[in-house]
């Protein structure tokens, strides 16, 4: 496992450890994943790998539990609709 260091002043570290205790590493990883997914720097698949969530549905559920909107645009929807129409033999 790779380790990284976050430079915090003693007061910041104390506050974070009081809030998260032994779960601080996981909480930090989750917070970064949420921030970077929301800003488009990580895909849902990358979030899943980063946090060990398994499959797409687990990632979507995890994001929904945290009220993080999916990065799914109207263009994504239209592309999915066209793909389904093609696969199901429908013409649009």
C-alpha atoms as a PDB file:
ATOM      1  CA  UNK A   1       0.000   0.000   0.000  1.00  0.00           C
ATOM      2  CA  UNK A   2       1.313   3.423  -0.921  1.00  0.00           C
ATOM      3  CA  UNK A   3       1.370   6.048   1.779  1.00  0.00           C
ATOM      4  CA  UNK A   4       1.025   9.800   1.421  1.00  0.00           C
ATOM      5  CA  UNK A   5       1.472  12.573   3.895  1.00  0.00           C
ATOM      6  CA  UNK A   6      -0.856  15.475   4.420  1.00  0.00           C
ATOM      7  CA  UNK A   7       0.793  18.436   6.085  1.00  0.00           C
ATOM      8  CA  UNK A   8      -1.485  19.834   8.772  1.00  0.00           C
ATOM      9  CA  UNK A   9      -0.752  22.100  11.648  1.00  0.00           C
ATOM     10  CA  UNK A  10      -1.246  20.489  15.075  1.00  0.00           C
ATOM     11  CA  UNK A  11      -4.621  22.163  15.634  1.00  0.00           C
ATOM     12  CA  UNK A  12      -5.976  20.942  12.292  1.00  0.00           C
ATOM     13  CA  UNK A  13      -4.745  17.422  12.932  1.00  0.00           C
ATOM     14  CA  UNK A  14      -6.263  17.364  16.425  1.00  0.00           C
ATOM     15  CA  UNK A  15      -9.624  18.579  15.096  1.00  0.00           C
ATOM     16  CA  UNK A  16      -9.679  15.990  12.315  1.00  0.00           C
ATOM     17  CA  UNK A  17      -8.645  13.164  14.645  1.00  0.00           C
ATOM     18  CA  UNK A  18     -11.323  14.181  17.164  1.00  0.00           C
ATOM     19  CA  UNK A  19     -13.941  14.088  14.423  1.00  0.00           C
ATOM     20  CA  UNK A  20     -12.811  10.926  12.628  1.00  0.00           C
ATOM     21  CA  UNK A  21     -10.544   9.028  15.000  1.00  0.00           C
ATOM     22  CA  UNK A  22      -9.040   5.915  13.468  1.00  0.00           C
ATOM     23  CA  UNK A  23     -11.221   6.354  10.389  1.00  0.00           C
ATOM     24  CA  UNK A  24      -9.430   9.527   9.341  1.00  0.00           C
ATOM     25  CA  UNK A  25      -7.570   7.931   6.415  1.00  0.00           C
ATOM     26  CA  UNK A  26     -10.773   6.507   4.931  1.00  0.00           C
ATOM     27  CA  UNK A  27     -12.696   9.731   5.581  1.00  0.00           C
ATOM     28  CA  UNK A  28     -10.003  11.731   3.778  1.00  0.00           C
ATOM     29  CA  UNK A  29     -10.015   9.350   0.802  1.00  0.00           C
ATOM     30  CA  UNK A  30     -13.817   9.524   0.594  1.00  0.00           C
ATOM     31  CA  UNK A  31     -13.855  13.320   0.846  1.00  0.00           C
ATOM     32  CA  UNK A  32     -11.282  13.597  -1.937  1.00  0.00           C
ATOM     33  CA  UNK A  33     -13.189  11.101  -4.070  1.00  0.00           C
ATOM     34  CA  UNK A  34     -16.410  13.098  -3.664  1.00  0.00           C
ATOM     35  CA  UNK A  35     -14.701  16.394  -4.438  1.00  0.00           C
ATOM     36  CA  UNK A  36     -12.794  15.086  -7.450  1.00  0.00           C
ATOM     37  CA  UNK A  37     -15.784  13.164  -8.840  1.00  0.00           C
ATOM     38  CA  UNK A  38     -17.979  16.249  -8.487  1.00  0.00           C
ATOM     39  CA  UNK A  39     -15.435  18.386 -10.304  1.00  0.00           C
ATOM     40  CA  UNK A  40     -15.000  15.833 -13.085  1.00  0.00           C
ATOM     41  CA  UNK A  41     -11.439  14.864 -12.176  1.00  0.00           C
ATOM     42  CA  UNK A  42     -12.458  11.274 -11.368  1.00  0.00           C
ATOM     43  CA  UNK A  43     -14.911   9.016 -13.142  1.00  0.00           C
ATOM     44  CA  UNK A  44     -17.334   6.784 -11.255  1.00  0.00           C
ATOM     45  CA  UNK A  45     -15.133   3.811 -12.170  1.00  0.00           C
ATOM     46  CA  UNK A  46     -12.091   5.557 -10.690  1.00  0.00           C
ATOM     47  CA  UNK A  47     -14.024   6.318  -7.496  1.00  0.00           C
ATOM     48  CA  UNK A  48     -14.960   2.657  -7.270  1.00  0.00           C
ATOM     49  CA  UNK A  49     -11.356   1.515  -7.672  1.00  0.00           C
ATOM     50  CA  UNK A  50     -10.056   4.161  -5.275  1.00  0.00           C
ATOM     51  CA  UNK A  51     -12.496   3.126  -2.546  1.00  0.00           C
ATOM     52  CA  UNK A  52     -12.744  -0.582  -3.350  1.00  0.00           C
ATOM     53  CA  UNK A  53     -16.474  -0.424  -4.039  1.00  0.00           C
ATOM     54  CA  UNK A  54     -16.672  -3.279  -6.503  1.00  0.00           C
ATOM     55  CA  UNK A  55     -19.142  -2.489  -9.259  1.00  0.00           C
ATOM     56  CA  UNK A  56     -20.923   0.437 -10.881  1.00  0.00           C
ATOM     57  CA  UNK A  57     -24.090  -0.099  -8.845  1.00  0.00           C
ATOM     58  CA  UNK A  58     -22.135  -0.012  -5.581  1.00  0.00           C
ATOM     59  CA  UNK A  59     -20.477   3.239  -6.654  1.00  0.00           C
ATOM     60  CA  UNK A  60     -23.818   4.799  -7.660  1.00  0.00           C
ATOM     61  CA  UNK A  61     -25.351   3.710  -4.354  1.00  0.00           C
ATOM     62  CA  UNK A  62     -22.371   5.048  -2.383  1.00  0.00           C
ATOM     63  CA  UNK A  63     -22.612   8.406  -4.179  1.00  0.00           C
ATOM     64  CA  UNK A  64     -26.386   8.568  -3.683  1.00  0.00           C
ATOM     65  CA  UNK A  65     -26.053   7.866   0.054  1.00  0.00           C
ATOM     66  CA  UNK A  66     -23.804  10.916   0.239  1.00  0.00           C
ATOM     67  CA  UNK A  67     -26.142  12.973  -1.955  1.00  0.00           C
ATOM     68  CA  UNK A  68     -23.545  13.374  -4.683  1.00  0.00           C
ATOM     69  CA  UNK A  69     -25.232  13.928  -8.055  1.00  0.00           C
ATOM     70  CA  UNK A  70     -24.165  11.586 -10.823  1.00  0.00           C
ATOM     71  CA  UNK A  71     -22.077  13.079 -13.596  1.00  0.00           C
ATOM     72  CA  UNK A  72     -24.634  12.097 -16.235  1.00  0.00           C
ATOM     73  CA  UNK A  73     -25.479  14.676 -18.836  1.00  0.00           C
ATOM     74  CA  UNK A  74     -28.331  14.987 -21.285  1.00  0.00           C
ATOM     75  CA  UNK A  75     -25.806  14.007 -23.954  1.00  0.00           C
ATOM     76  CA  UNK A  76     -24.987  10.824 -21.994  1.00  0.00           C
ATOM     77  CA  UNK A  77     -28.704  10.038 -21.782  1.00  0.00           C
ATOM     78  CA  UNK A  78     -29.204  10.562 -25.515  1.00  0.00           C
ATOM     79  CA  UNK A  79     -26.206   8.372 -26.332  1.00  0.00           C
ATOM     80  CA  UNK A  80     -27.552   5.629 -24.052  1.00  0.00           C
ATOM     81  CA  UNK A  81     -31.001   5.945 -25.642  1.00  0.00           C
ATOM     82  CA  UNK A  82     -29.537   5.598 -29.152  1.00  0.00           C
ATOM     83  CA  UNK A  83     -27.545   2.551 -28.065  1.00  0.00           C
ATOM     84  CA  UNK A  84     -30.618   0.900 -26.565  1.00  0.00           C
ATOM     85  CA  UNK A  85     -32.658   1.693 -29.655  1.00  0.00           C
ATOM     86  CA  UNK A  86     -29.967   0.129 -31.844  1.00  0.00           C
ATOM     87  CA  UNK A  87     -29.672  -2.952 -29.625  1.00  0.00           C
ATOM     88  CA  UNK A  88     -33.430  -3.415 -29.401  1.00  0.00           C
ATOM     89  CA  UNK A  89     -33.908  -2.855 -33.137  1.00  0.00           C
ATOM     90  CA  UNK A  90     -35.903   0.332 -32.790  1.00  0.00           C
ATOM     91  CA  UNK A  91     -35.588   3.224 -35.181  1.00  0.00           C
ATOM     92  CA  UNK A  92     -35.758   6.766 -33.989  1.00  0.00           C
END
